[in-house]
C-alpha atoms as a PDB file:
ATOM      1  CA  UNK A   1      -0.385  -0.280   0.262  1.00  0.00           C
ATOM      2  CA  UNK A   2       1.137   3.623  -0.893  1.00  0.00           C
ATOM      3  CA  UNK A   3       1.643   6.342   1.382  1.00  0.00           C
ATOM      4  CA  UNK A   4      -0.879   7.895  -0.086  1.00  0.00           C
ATOM      5  CA  UNK A   5      -3.642   5.421   0.268  1.00  0.00           C
ATOM      6  CA  UNK A   6      -3.142   4.939   4.035  1.00  0.00           C
ATOM      7  CA  UNK A   7      -5.710   6.321   5.926  1.00  0.00           C
ATOM      8  CA  UNK A   8      -4.152   9.908   7.917  1.00  0.00           C
ATOM      9  CA  UNK A   9      -3.586   8.660  11.565  1.00  0.00           C
ATOM     10  CA  UNK A  10      -4.253  10.741  14.762  1.00  0.00           C
ATOM     11  CA  UNK A  11      -2.097   9.566  17.762  1.00  0.00           C
ATOM     12  CA  UNK A  12      -3.437  10.438  21.505  1.00  0.00           C
ATOM     13  CA  UNK A  13      -1.259  10.467  24.005  1.00  0.00           C
ATOM     14  CA  UNK A  14      -2.787  11.403  27.792  1.00  0.00           C
ATOM     15  CA  UNK A  15      -0.039  12.551  29.700  1.00  0.00           C
ATOM     16  CA  UNK A  16      -0.194  12.429  33.697  1.00  0.00           C
ATOM     17  CA  UNK A  17       3.703  12.098  35.698  1.00  0.00           C
ATOM     18  CA  UNK A  18       5.511   9.872  33.219  1.00  0.00           C
ATOM     19  CA  UNK A  19       8.249  11.933  32.545  1.00  0.00           C
ATOM     20  CA  UNK A  20      11.060   9.694  32.485  1.00  0.00           C
ATOM     21  CA  UNK A  21       8.935   7.695  29.351  1.00  0.00           C
ATOM     22  CA  UNK A  22       7.058   9.995  27.528  1.00  0.00           C
ATOM     23  CA  UNK A  23       9.756  10.263  24.582  1.00  0.00           C
ATOM     24  CA  UNK A  24       9.999   7.097  24.278  1.00  0.00           C
ATOM     25  CA  UNK A  25       6.528   6.891  23.565  1.00  0.00           C
ATOM     26  CA  UNK A  26       6.720   9.843  21.144  1.00  0.00           C
ATOM     27  CA  UNK A  27       9.616   8.382  18.961  1.00  0.00           C
ATOM     28  CA  UNK A  28       7.895   5.083  18.682  1.00  0.00           C
ATOM     29  CA  UNK A  29       4.619   7.352  17.167  1.00  0.00           C
ATOM     30  CA  UNK A  30       7.870   8.795  14.449  1.00  0.00           C
ATOM     31  CA  UNK A  31       8.989   5.762  13.754  1.00  0.00           C
ATOM     32  CA  UNK A  32       6.026   4.213  12.228  1.00  0.00           C
ATOM     33  CA  UNK A  33       5.178   4.213   8.650  1.00  0.00           C
ATOM     34  CA  UNK A  34       3.345   5.282   7.148  1.00  0.00           C
ATOM     35  CA  UNK A  35       4.030   8.272   9.657  1.00  0.00           C
ATOM     36  CA  UNK A  36       1.267   9.579  11.500  1.00  0.00           C
ATOM     37  CA  UNK A  37      -0.591  12.816  10.944  1.00  0.00           C
ATOM     38  CA  UNK A  38      -0.351  14.319  14.343  1.00  0.00           C
ATOM     39  CA  UNK A  39       0.347  13.080  17.678  1.00  0.00           C
ATOM     40  CA  UNK A  40      -1.528  15.260  20.428  1.00  0.00           C
ATOM     41  CA  UNK A  41       0.150  14.583  23.911  1.00  0.00           C
ATOM     42  CA  UNK A  42      -2.835  15.582  26.867  1.00  0.00           C
ATOM     43  CA  UNK A  43      -1.171  16.607  29.590  1.00  0.00           C
ATOM     44  CA  UNK A  44      -3.371  15.714  32.840  1.00  0.00           C
ATOM     45  CA  UNK A  45      -2.252  18.150  35.654  1.00  0.00           C
ATOM     46  CA  UNK A  46       1.495  16.345  35.496  1.00  0.00           C
ATOM     47  CA  UNK A  47       3.293  17.822  38.256  1.00  0.00           C
ATOM     48  CA  UNK A  48       7.027  15.568  37.181  1.00  0.00           C
ATOM     49  CA  UNK A  49       8.153  17.888  34.698  1.00  0.00           C
ATOM     50  CA  UNK A  50       7.151  15.549  31.662  1.00  0.00           C
ATOM     51  CA  UNK A  51       4.607  18.501  29.839  1.00  0.00           C
ATOM     52  CA  UNK A  52       8.384  20.749  30.074  1.00  0.00           C
ATOM     53  CA  UNK A  53      10.175  17.971  28.485  1.00  0.00           C
ATOM     54  CA  UNK A  54       7.992  17.932  25.812  1.00  0.00           C
ATOM     55  CA  UNK A  55       7.880  21.337  25.014  1.00  0.00           C
ATOM     56  CA  UNK A  56      11.944  21.120  24.656  1.00  0.00           C
ATOM     57  CA  UNK A  57      11.345  18.155  22.449  1.00  0.00           C
ATOM     58  CA  UNK A  58       9.121  19.655  20.196  1.00  0.00           C
ATOM     59  CA  UNK A  59      11.533  22.704  19.920  1.00  0.00           C
ATOM     60  CA  UNK A  60      14.600  21.007  19.078  1.00  0.00           C
ATOM     61  CA  UNK A  61      13.211  18.244  16.257  1.00  0.00           C
ATOM     62  CA  UNK A  62      11.964  19.101  13.428  1.00  0.00           C
ATOM     63  CA  UNK A  63       9.362  16.205  13.897  1.00  0.00           C
ATOM     64  CA  UNK A  64       7.965  18.430  16.204  1.00  0.00           C
ATOM     65  CA  UNK A  65       5.667  20.093  13.568  1.00  0.00           C
ATOM     66  CA  UNK A  66       3.395  17.343  13.666  1.00  0.00           C
ATOM     67  CA  UNK A  67       3.252  16.911  18.007  1.00  0.00           C
ATOM     68  CA  UNK A  68       0.707  19.403  20.156  1.00  0.00           C
ATOM     69  CA  UNK A  69       1.091  19.714  23.640  1.00  0.00           C
ATOM     70  CA  UNK A  70      -2.326  20.532  25.341  1.00  0.00           C
ATOM     71  CA  UNK A  71      -2.962  20.984  29.122  1.00  0.00           C
ATOM     72  CA  UNK A  72      -5.520  21.121  31.155  1.00  0.00           C
ATOM     73  CA  UNK A  73      -6.228  20.586  35.359  1.00  0.00           C
ATOM     74  CA  UNK A  74      -5.986  17.058  36.180  1.00  0.00           C
ATOM     75  CA  UNK A  75      -9.345  15.148  35.152  1.00  0.00           C
ATOM     76  CA  UNK A  76      -8.564  11.688  34.512  1.00  0.00           C
ATOM     77  CA  UNK A  77      -7.385   9.434  31.127  1.00  0.00           C
ATOM     78  CA  UNK A  78     -10.330   9.521  30.038  1.00  0.00           C
ATOM     79  CA  UNK A  79     -11.652  13.143  30.241  1.00  0.00           C
ATOM     80  CA  UNK A  80      -7.561  13.186  28.375  1.00  0.00           C
ATOM     81  CA  UNK A  81      -8.408  11.417  25.561  1.00  0.00           C
ATOM     82  CA  UNK A  82     -12.256  12.529  24.881  1.00  0.00           C
ATOM     83  CA  UNK A  83     -10.242  16.001  24.701  1.00  0.00           C
ATOM     84  CA  UNK A  84      -7.837  14.144  22.062  1.00  0.00           C
ATOM     85  CA  UNK A  85     -10.611  13.028  20.105  1.00  0.00           C
ATOM     86  CA  UNK A  86     -12.578  15.531  19.680  1.00  0.00           C
ATOM     87  CA  UNK A  87      -9.547  17.445  18.574  1.00  0.00           C
ATOM     88  CA  UNK A  88      -8.296  14.642  16.167  1.00  0.00           C
ATOM     89  CA  UNK A  89      -7.894  15.773  12.479  1.00  0.00           C
ATOM     90  CA  UNK A  90      -6.705  12.190  11.256  1.00  0.00           C
ATOM     91  CA  UNK A  91      -9.474   9.435   9.355  1.00  0.00           C
ATOM     92  CA  UNK A  92      -8.166   6.524  12.260  1.00  0.00           C
ATOM     93  CA  UNK A  93      -7.891   7.685  15.797  1.00  0.00           C
ATOM     94  CA  UNK A  94      -4.892   5.778  17.817  1.00  0.00           C
ATOM     95  CA  UNK A  95      -4.179   5.522  21.592  1.00  0.00           C
ATOM     96  CA  UNK A  96      -1.196   5.689  23.508  1.00  0.00           C
ATOM     97  CA  UNK A  97      -0.009   5.393  26.946  1.00  0.00           C
ATOM     98  CA  UNK A  98       3.011   7.818  27.587  1.00  0.00           C
ATOM     99  CA  UNK A  99       4.711   5.342  29.347  1.00  0.00           C
ATOM    100  CA  UNK A 100       4.182   2.299  27.037  1.00  0.00           C
ATOM    101  CA  UNK A 101       5.448   2.191  22.941  1.00  0.00           C
ATOM    102  CA  UNK A 102       4.586   1.208  19.304  1.00  0.00           C
ATOM    103  CA  UNK A 103       6.231  -1.458  17.660  1.00  0.00           C
ATOM    104  CA  UNK A 104       7.766  -1.425  14.488  1.00  0.00           C
ATOM    105  CA  UNK A 105       5.021  -2.348  12.044  1.00  0.00           C
ATOM    106  CA  UNK A 106       2.089  -1.279  13.968  1.00  0.00           C
ATOM    107  CA  UNK A 107       1.108   1.851  11.588  1.00  0.00           C
ATOM    108  CA  UNK A 108       1.257  -0.861   8.868  1.00  0.00           C
ATOM    109  CA  UNK A 109      -0.640  -3.339   9.807  1.00  0.00           C
ATOM    110  CA  UNK A 110      -3.231  -0.764  10.348  1.00  0.00           C
ATOM    111  CA  UNK A 111      -3.327   0.336   6.850  1.00  0.00           C
ATOM    112  CA  UNK A 112      -3.943  -3.586   5.903  1.00  0.00           C
ATOM    113  CA  UNK A 113      -6.643  -4.402   8.187  1.00  0.00           C
ATOM    114  CA  UNK A 114      -7.819  -1.036   7.392  1.00  0.00           C
ATOM    115  CA  UNK A 115      -7.892  -1.598   3.429  1.00  0.00           C
ATOM    116  CA  UNK A 116      -8.981  -4.967   3.659  1.00  0.00           C
ATOM    117  CA  UNK A 117     -12.139  -4.398   5.832  1.00  0.00           C
ATOM    118  CA  UNK A 118     -13.224  -0.678   5.026  1.00  0.00           C
ATOM    119  CA  UNK A 119     -16.373  -0.822   6.812  1.00  0.00           C
ATOM    120  CA  UNK A 120     -14.726  -1.648  10.189  1.00  0.00           C
ATOM    121  CA  UNK A 121     -15.743   0.565  13.016  1.00  0.00           C
ATOM    122  CA  UNK A 122     -12.352  -0.334  15.249  1.00  0.00           C
ATOM    123  CA  UNK A 123      -8.721  -2.022  14.122  1.00  0.00           C
ATOM    124  CA  UNK A 124      -6.642  -3.487  16.645  1.00  0.00           C
ATOM    125  CA  UNK A 125      -3.579  -6.065  16.994  1.00  0.00           C
ATOM    126  CA  UNK A 126      -2.289  -8.295  19.509  1.00  0.00           C
ATOM    127  CA  UNK A 127       0.332  -6.675  22.649  1.00  0.00           C
ATOM    128  CA  UNK A 128       3.287  -7.207  24.206  1.00  0.00           C
ATOM    129  CA  UNK A 129       3.547  -6.861  28.328  1.00  0.00           C
ATOM    130  CA  UNK A 130       7.089  -6.037  28.878  1.00  0.00           C
ATOM    131  CA  UNK A 131       8.856  -6.429  32.479  1.00  0.00           C
ATOM    132  CA  UNK A 132      12.302  -4.207  33.559  1.00  0.00           C
ATOM    133  CA  UNK A 133      14.499  -7.424  33.361  1.00  0.00           C
ATOM    134  CA  UNK A 134      13.239  -7.839  29.674  1.00  0.00           C
ATOM    135  CA  UNK A 135      11.037 -10.533  30.062  1.00  0.00           C
ATOM    136  CA  UNK A 136       7.868 -10.527  27.576  1.00  0.00           C
ATOM    137  CA  UNK A 137       4.737 -11.745  27.600  1.00  0.00           C
ATOM    138  CA  UNK A 138       2.884 -11.576  24.200  1.00  0.00           C
ATOM    139  CA  UNK A 139      -1.218 -11.140  24.101  1.00  0.00           C
ATOM    140  CA  UNK A 140      -3.214 -12.310  20.881  1.00  0.00           C
ATOM    141  CA  UNK A 141      -6.013 -14.456  19.617  1.00  0.00           C
ATOM    142  CA  UNK A 142      -8.045 -16.824  21.894  1.00  0.00           C
ATOM    143  CA  UNK A 143     -10.651 -17.156  19.365  1.00  0.00           C
ATOM    144  CA  UNK A 144     -11.811 -20.957  19.190  1.00  0.00           C
ATOM    145  CA  UNK A 145      -9.937 -21.653  17.394  1.00  0.00           C
ATOM    146  CA  UNK A 146      -6.924 -19.510  17.635  1.00  0.00           C
ATOM    147  CA  UNK A 147      -6.125 -17.796  14.470  1.00  0.00           C
ATOM    148  CA  UNK A 148      -2.914 -18.304  13.582  1.00  0.00           C
ATOM    149  CA  UNK A 149       0.015 -15.521  14.541  1.00  0.00           C
ATOM    150  CA  UNK A 150       0.165 -13.170  12.012  1.00  0.00           C
ATOM    151  CA  UNK A 151      -3.296 -13.613  10.647  1.00  0.00           C
ATOM    152  CA  UNK A 152      -6.112 -10.792   9.864  1.00  0.00           C
ATOM    153  CA  UNK A 153      -9.485 -11.151   9.848  1.00  0.00           C
ATOM    154  CA  UNK A 154     -12.633  -9.716  10.992  1.00  0.00           C
ATOM    155  CA  UNK A 155     -13.636 -10.510  14.519  1.00  0.00           C
ATOM    156  CA  UNK A 156     -16.956 -11.853  14.641  1.00  0.00           C
ATOM    157  CA  UNK A 157     -17.684 -11.683  18.452  1.00  0.00           C
ATOM    158  CA  UNK A 158     -15.792  -9.231  20.374  1.00  0.00           C
ATOM    159  CA  UNK A 159     -17.911 -10.091  23.628  1.00  0.00           C
ATOM    160  CA  UNK A 160     -16.801 -13.736  22.838  1.00  0.00           C
ATOM    161  CA  UNK A 161     -13.260 -12.926  22.071  1.00  0.00           C
ATOM    162  CA  UNK A 162     -12.705 -10.684  25.325  1.00  0.00           C
ATOM    163  CA  UNK A 163     -14.617 -13.301  27.461  1.00  0.00           C
ATOM    164  CA  UNK A 164     -11.758 -15.323  26.568  1.00  0.00           C
ATOM    165  CA  UNK A 165      -8.811 -12.866  27.541  1.00  0.00           C
ATOM    166  CA  UNK A 166      -7.195  -9.612  26.817  1.00  0.00           C
ATOM    167  CA  UNK A 167      -6.506 -10.502  22.767  1.00  0.00           C
ATOM    168  CA  UNK A 168      -5.840  -6.475  22.090  1.00  0.00           C
ATOM    169  CA  UNK A 169      -4.921  -3.261  24.202  1.00  0.00           C
ATOM    170  CA  UNK A 170      -5.752   0.343  24.544  1.00  0.00           C
ATOM    171  CA  UNK A 171      -2.710   0.744  22.774  1.00  0.00           C
ATOM    172  CA  UNK A 172      -3.253  -1.439  20.047  1.00  0.00           C
ATOM    173  CA  UNK A 173      -6.741  -0.179  18.977  1.00  0.00           C
ATOM    174  CA  UNK A 174      -7.497   2.169  16.259  1.00  0.00           C
ATOM    175  CA  UNK A 175     -10.936   3.907  15.752  1.00  0.00           C
ATOM    176  CA  UNK A 176     -12.644   5.597  12.523  1.00  0.00           C
ATOM    177  CA  UNK A 177     -13.016   9.322  13.536  1.00  0.00           C
ATOM    178  CA  UNK A 178     -15.880   9.143  11.474  1.00  0.00           C
ATOM    179  CA  UNK A 179     -17.584   6.608  13.913  1.00  0.00           C
ATOM    180  CA  UNK A 180     -16.916   8.696  16.719  1.00  0.00           C
ATOM    181  CA  UNK A 181     -18.169  11.777  15.190  1.00  0.00           C
ATOM    182  CA  UNK A 182     -21.596  10.366  14.348  1.00  0.00           C
ATOM    183  CA  UNK A 183     -22.283   9.147  17.536  1.00  0.00           C
ATOM    184  CA  UNK A 184     -20.687  11.705  20.418  1.00  0.00           C
ATOM    185  CA  UNK A 185     -21.325   8.975  22.952  1.00  0.00           C
ATOM    186  CA  UNK A 186     -18.812   6.682  22.089  1.00  0.00           C
ATOM    187  CA  UNK A 187     -16.587   7.966  24.452  1.00  0.00           C
ATOM    188  CA  UNK A 188     -14.118   6.687  27.515  1.00  0.00           C
ATOM    189  CA  UNK A 189     -16.450   7.037  30.846  1.00  0.00           C
ATOM    190  CA  UNK A 190     -15.367  10.352  32.770  1.00  0.00           C
ATOM    191  CA  UNK A 191     -13.997   9.184  36.200  1.00  0.00           C
ATOM    192  CA  UNK A 192     -13.854   5.189  36.162  1.00  0.00           C
ATOM    193  CA  UNK A 193     -10.135   4.123  36.592  1.00  0.00           C
ATOM    194  CA  UNK A 194     -11.352   0.535  35.704  1.00  0.00           C
ATOM    195  CA  UNK A 195     -12.787  -0.993  32.252  1.00  0.00           C
ATOM    196  CA  UNK A 196     -13.182   2.984  30.919  1.00  0.00           C
ATOM    197  CA  UNK A 197     -11.837   1.980  28.068  1.00  0.00           C
ATOM    198  CA  UNK A 198     -13.047  -1.895  28.208  1.00  0.00           C
ATOM    199  CA  UNK A 199     -16.610   0.352  27.855  1.00  0.00           C
ATOM    200  CA  UNK A 200     -15.974   2.412  24.774  1.00  0.00           C
ATOM    201  CA  UNK A 201     -14.479  -0.927  22.465  1.00  0.00           C
ATOM    202  CA  UNK A 202     -18.103  -3.068  23.829  1.00  0.00           C
ATOM    203  CA  UNK A 203     -19.946  -0.102  22.378  1.00  0.00           C
ATOM    204  CA  UNK A 204     -17.797   0.323  19.451  1.00  0.00           C
ATOM    205  CA  UNK A 205     -18.242  -3.500  18.832  1.00  0.00           C
ATOM    206  CA  UNK A 206     -21.567  -3.103  18.679  1.00  0.00           C
ATOM    207  CA  UNK A 207     -21.976  -0.244  16.566  1.00  0.00           C
ATOM    208  CA  UNK A 208     -19.596  -1.098  13.743  1.00  0.00           C
ATOM    209  CA  UNK A 209     -17.351  -4.431  12.781  1.00  0.00           C
ATOM    210  CA  UNK A 210     -14.133  -4.889  13.945  1.00  0.00           C
ATOM    211  CA  UNK A 211     -11.140  -6.033  12.881  1.00  0.00           C
ATOM    212  CA  UNK A 212      -7.842  -7.625  14.119  1.00  0.00           C
ATOM    213  CA  UNK A 213      -4.417  -8.967  12.857  1.00  0.00           C
ATOM    214  CA  UNK A 214      -3.262 -11.622  15.501  1.00  0.00           C
ATOM    215  CA  UNK A 215       0.263 -10.341  15.724  1.00  0.00           C
ATOM    216  CA  UNK A 216       1.654  -8.133  18.756  1.00  0.00           C
ATOM    217  CA  UNK A 217       2.756  -4.786  17.813  1.00  0.00           C
ATOM    218  CA  UNK A 218       2.427  -2.440  20.618  1.00  0.00           C
ATOM    219  CA  UNK A 219       4.390  -2.875  24.408  1.00  0.00           C
ATOM    220  CA  UNK A 220       2.717  -2.674  27.754  1.00  0.00           C
ATOM    221  CA  UNK A 221       5.259  -1.578  30.399  1.00  0.00           C
ATOM    222  CA  UNK A 222       4.268  -3.897  33.361  1.00  0.00           C
ATOM    223  CA  UNK A 223       6.471  -1.920  35.963  1.00  0.00           C
ATOM    224  CA  UNK A 224       5.313   1.630  35.970  1.00  0.00           C
ATOM    225  CA  UNK A 225       3.901   2.410  39.239  1.00  0.00           C
ATOM    226  CA  UNK A 226       0.031   3.027  38.943  1.00  0.00           C
ATOM    227  CA  UNK A 227      -0.783   1.272  35.692  1.00  0.00           C
ATOM    228  CA  UNK A 228      -3.986  -0.638  35.410  1.00  0.00           C
ATOM    229  CA  UNK A 229      -3.218  -4.124  35.012  1.00  0.00           C
ATOM    230  CA  UNK A 230      -1.248  -3.580  38.509  1.00  0.00           C
ATOM    231  CA  UNK A 231      -4.530  -2.557  40.115  1.00  0.00           C
ATOM    232  CA  UNK A 232      -5.697  -4.981  43.084  1.00  0.00           C
ATOM    233  CA  UNK A 233      -8.288  -7.499  42.697  1.00  0.00           C
ATOM    234  CA  UNK A 234     -11.641  -6.349  42.066  1.00  0.00           C
ATOM    235  CA  UNK A 235     -14.098  -5.933  44.912  1.00  0.00           C
ATOM    236  CA  UNK A 236     -17.485  -5.564  42.557  1.00  0.00           C
ATOM    237  CA  UNK A 237     -18.644  -5.636  39.038  1.00  0.00           C
ATOM    238  CA  UNK A 238     -17.276  -3.021  36.697  1.00  0.00           C
ATOM    239  CA  UNK A 239     -19.706  -0.109  36.216  1.00  0.00           C
ATOM    240  CA  UNK A 240     -18.627  -0.955  32.403  1.00  0.00           C
ATOM    241  CA  UNK A 241     -20.108  -4.631  32.964  1.00  0.00           C
ATOM    242  CA  UNK A 242     -22.927  -2.929  34.660  1.00  0.00           C
ATOM    243  CA  UNK A 243     -24.145  -0.802  31.948  1.00  0.00           C
ATOM    244  CA  UNK A 244     -23.491  -4.199  29.393  1.00  0.00           C
ATOM    245  CA  UNK A 245     -26.250  -6.235  31.429  1.00  0.00           C
ATOM    246  CA  UNK A 246     -28.701  -3.406  31.066  1.00  0.00           C
ATOM    247  CA  UNK A 247     -27.712  -2.999  27.282  1.00  0.00           C
ATOM    248  CA  UNK A 248     -28.520  -6.416  27.178  1.00  0.00           C
ATOM    249  CA  UNK A 249     -31.764  -6.854  28.755  1.00  0.00           C
ATOM    250  CA  UNK A 250     -32.949  -3.958  26.761  1.00  0.00           C
ATOM    251  CA  UNK A 251     -32.218  -5.892  23.390  1.00  0.00           C
ATOM    252  CA  UNK A 252     -29.694  -2.957  22.316  1.00  0.00           C
ATOM    253  CA  UNK A 253     -26.896  -5.545  21.887  1.00  0.00           C
ATOM    254  CA  UNK A 254     -27.264  -6.477  18.443  1.00  0.00           C
ATOM    255  CA  UNK A 255     -28.608  -9.787  18.505  1.00  0.00           C
ATOM    256  CA  UNK A 256     -25.613 -11.823  16.940  1.00  0.00           C
ATOM    257  CA  UNK A 257     -23.438 -10.371  19.759  1.00  0.00           C
ATOM    258  CA  UNK A 258     -25.827 -11.333  22.391  1.00  0.00           C
ATOM    259  CA  UNK A 259     -24.267 -15.146  23.566  1.00  0.00           C
ATOM    260  CA  UNK A 260     -21.005 -13.475  23.714  1.00  0.00           C
ATOM    261  CA  UNK A 261     -22.096 -10.430  26.077  1.00  0.00           C
ATOM    262  CA  UNK A 262     -23.553 -13.226  28.362  1.00  0.00           C
ATOM    263  CA  UNK A 263     -20.396 -15.343  28.110  1.00  0.00           C
ATOM    264  CA  UNK A 264     -18.388 -12.320  28.630  1.00  0.00           C
ATOM    265  CA  UNK A 265     -21.038 -11.013  31.577  1.00  0.00           C
ATOM    266  CA  UNK A 266     -20.623 -14.252  33.153  1.00  0.00           C
ATOM    267  CA  UNK A 267     -16.313 -14.700  33.168  1.00  0.00           C
ATOM    268  CA  UNK A 268     -16.517 -11.152  34.778  1.00  0.00           C
ATOM    269  CA  UNK A 269     -18.527 -11.958  37.500  1.00  0.00           C
ATOM    270  CA  UNK A 270     -17.065 -15.263  38.561  1.00  0.00           C
ATOM    271  CA  UNK A 271     -13.190 -13.514  38.339  1.00  0.00           C
ATOM    272  CA  UNK A 272     -15.422 -10.960  40.630  1.00  0.00           C
ATOM    273  CA  UNK A 273     -16.759 -13.680  43.058  1.00  0.00           C
ATOM    274  CA  UNK A 274     -12.772 -15.325  42.126  1.00  0.00           C
ATOM    275  CA  UNK A 275     -11.711 -12.046  44.175  1.00  0.00           C
ATOM    276  CA  UNK A 276     -13.876 -12.007  46.950  1.00  0.00           C
ATOM    277  CA  UNK A 277     -12.798 -15.970  47.807  1.00  0.00           C
ATOM    278  CA  UNK A 278      -9.285 -14.674  47.639  1.00  0.00           C
ATOM    279  CA  UNK A 279     -10.300 -12.336  50.705  1.00  0.00           C
ATOM    280  CA  UNK A 280     -11.352 -14.888  52.371  1.00  0.00           C
ATOM    281  CA  UNK A 281     -15.448 -14.002  51.913  1.00  0.00           C
ATOM    282  CA  UNK A 282     -17.630 -17.198  50.735  1.00  0.00           C
ATOM    283  CA  UNK A 283     -20.609 -15.020  51.003  1.00  0.00           C
ATOM    284  CA  UNK A 284     -19.958 -12.178  48.771  1.00  0.00           C
ATOM    285  CA  UNK A 285     -18.896 -14.589  46.387  1.00  0.00           C
ATOM    286  CA  UNK A 286     -21.714 -16.421  46.861  1.00  0.00           C
ATOM    287  CA  UNK A 287     -23.817 -13.385  45.724  1.00  0.00           C
ATOM    288  CA  UNK A 288     -22.023 -13.032  42.287  1.00  0.00           C
ATOM    289  CA  UNK A 289     -22.208 -16.737  41.872  1.00  0.00           C
ATOM    290  CA  UNK A 290     -25.411 -17.630  41.967  1.00  0.00           C
ATOM    291  CA  UNK A 291     -27.344 -14.522  40.468  1.00  0.00           C
ATOM    292  CA  UNK A 292     -29.024 -14.582  37.160  1.00  0.00           C
ATOM    293  CA  UNK A 293     -26.559 -15.387  34.336  1.00  0.00           C
ATOM    294  CA  UNK A 294     -23.490 -16.031  36.349  1.00  0.00           C
ATOM    295  CA  UNK A 295     -23.411 -19.189  35.123  1.00  0.00           C
ATOM    296  CA  UNK A 296     -23.355 -19.203  31.633  1.00  0.00           C
ATOM    297  CA  UNK A 297     -19.267 -20.408  31.294  1.00  0.00           C
ATOM    298  CA  UNK A 298     -20.591 -23.159  32.980  1.00  0.00           C
ATOM    299  CA  UNK A 299     -17.139 -24.915  33.570  1.00  0.00           C
ATOM    300  CA  UNK A 300     -15.406 -21.973  35.118  1.00  0.00           C
ATOM    301  CA  UNK A 301     -18.536 -21.249  36.800  1.00  0.00           C
ATOM    302  CA  UNK A 302     -18.751 -25.161  38.398  1.00  0.00           C
ATOM    303  CA  UNK A 303     -14.970 -25.080  39.186  1.00  0.00           C
ATOM    304  CA  UNK A 304     -15.685 -21.762  41.210  1.00  0.00           C
ATOM    305  CA  UNK A 305     -18.261 -23.110  42.867  1.00  0.00           C
ATOM    306  CA  UNK A 306     -16.363 -25.721  44.003  1.00  0.00           C
ATOM    307  CA  UNK A 307     -13.588 -23.385  45.421  1.00  0.00           C
ATOM    308  CA  UNK A 308     -16.439 -21.647  47.622  1.00  0.00           C
ATOM    309  CA  UNK A 309     -18.307 -24.958  48.839  1.00  0.00           C
ATOM    310  CA  UNK A 310     -14.595 -25.701  49.754  1.00  0.00           C
ATOM    311  CA  UNK A 311     -14.271 -22.771  51.684  1.00  0.00           C
ATOM    312  CA  UNK A 312     -17.531 -22.126  53.346  1.00  0.00           C
ATOM    313  CA  UNK A 313     -17.137 -25.954  54.722  1.00  0.00           C
ATOM    314  CA  UNK A 314     -13.347 -24.891  56.267  1.00  0.00           C
ATOM    315  CA  UNK A 315     -14.797 -22.027  57.673  1.00  0.00           C
ATOM    316  CA  UNK A 316     -17.909 -23.958  59.113  1.00  0.00           C
ATOM    317  CA  UNK A 317     -15.352 -26.398  60.984  1.00  0.00           C
ATOM    318  CA  UNK A 318     -13.183 -23.606  62.386  1.00  0.00           C
ATOM    319  CA  UNK A 319     -16.315 -22.283  63.711  1.00  0.00           C
ATOM    320  CA  UNK A 320     -17.300 -25.786  65.420  1.00  0.00           C
ATOM    321  CA  UNK A 321     -14.209 -26.473  66.534  1.00  0.00           C
ATOM    322  CA  UNK A 322     -13.933 -22.909  68.510  1.00  0.00           C
ATOM    323  CA  UNK A 323     -17.049 -23.684  69.825  1.00  0.00           C
ATOM    324  CA  UNK A 324     -16.433 -26.885  71.129  1.00  0.00           C
ATOM    325  CA  UNK A 325     -12.720 -25.489  72.434  1.00  0.00           C
ATOM    326  CA  UNK A 326     -12.887 -25.483  76.480  1.00  0.00           C
ATOM    327  CA  UNK A 327     -12.368 -21.693  78.083  1.00  0.00           C
ATOM    328  CA  UNK A 328      -9.675 -21.402  80.371  1.00  0.00           C
ATOM    329  CA  UNK A 329     -10.484 -19.548  83.519  1.00  0.00           C
ATOM    330  CA  UNK A 330      -8.499 -16.039  84.235  1.00  0.00           C
END
């Protein structure tokens, strides 16, 4: 594909106290072919000098002409990304966290996906998790059967795929700007720290086809404090899944995606129940395990129910032993 045939790409980089990494993120964008049309760095109230570092870089590099730095008071990553969406001018909008990076070939793969699936609203690839010691774990197609590495095609049931594992990531996704402009509700949910990105991907998948390339072309850094993947286990069902349940109940989810949506909701509820068991809360786990629709992923549900039963029995046995233990006089 020639550069002139490639859709123009706008890259949105939300920045909050990631001064040590942000220039590497920008340079990973500039290393791509075809080149990005623009890079929007949205500073979300940083206090570590990151925006100043970006300003100096822009002033000292010819490539700085395509980089725009915009500042705002700290309002959260969703607000920063949404501002970038509203300002973007490219045909495709991509996202890159300031402490992560694109790998060579990412934009070329997006161009190939867009050419093969021009009606899609979302294009995505696999990604890699990277640790400071150099260890990398690749994430890709969990489809049934799994797609060969390097293959690309349409994702028939995004919700079902997502229920089987995180096969893509915020840094590995591009959206059609025309779709976002047509529906202003397709934005990241402000004020939410977990699941705000999943919420958007699910709603986009309900509105337009999704195309996927099973090859890891972005890196997610695992050693940075505050990264979403380092958050503690969930205590309750995330708001994004509560909203999915309401859309499913109301019939807003397209019929072809409904079974996958049920599977995804089941997996999430079981995951939260499992987290409650980890904290020694079998009563809280039972609230989810025996709720409507929780057993849609049958084998996973049965395994977790067995674990719940064993923990509950253990608590009862310990309670009985304590009741029979003789009390000593003071």
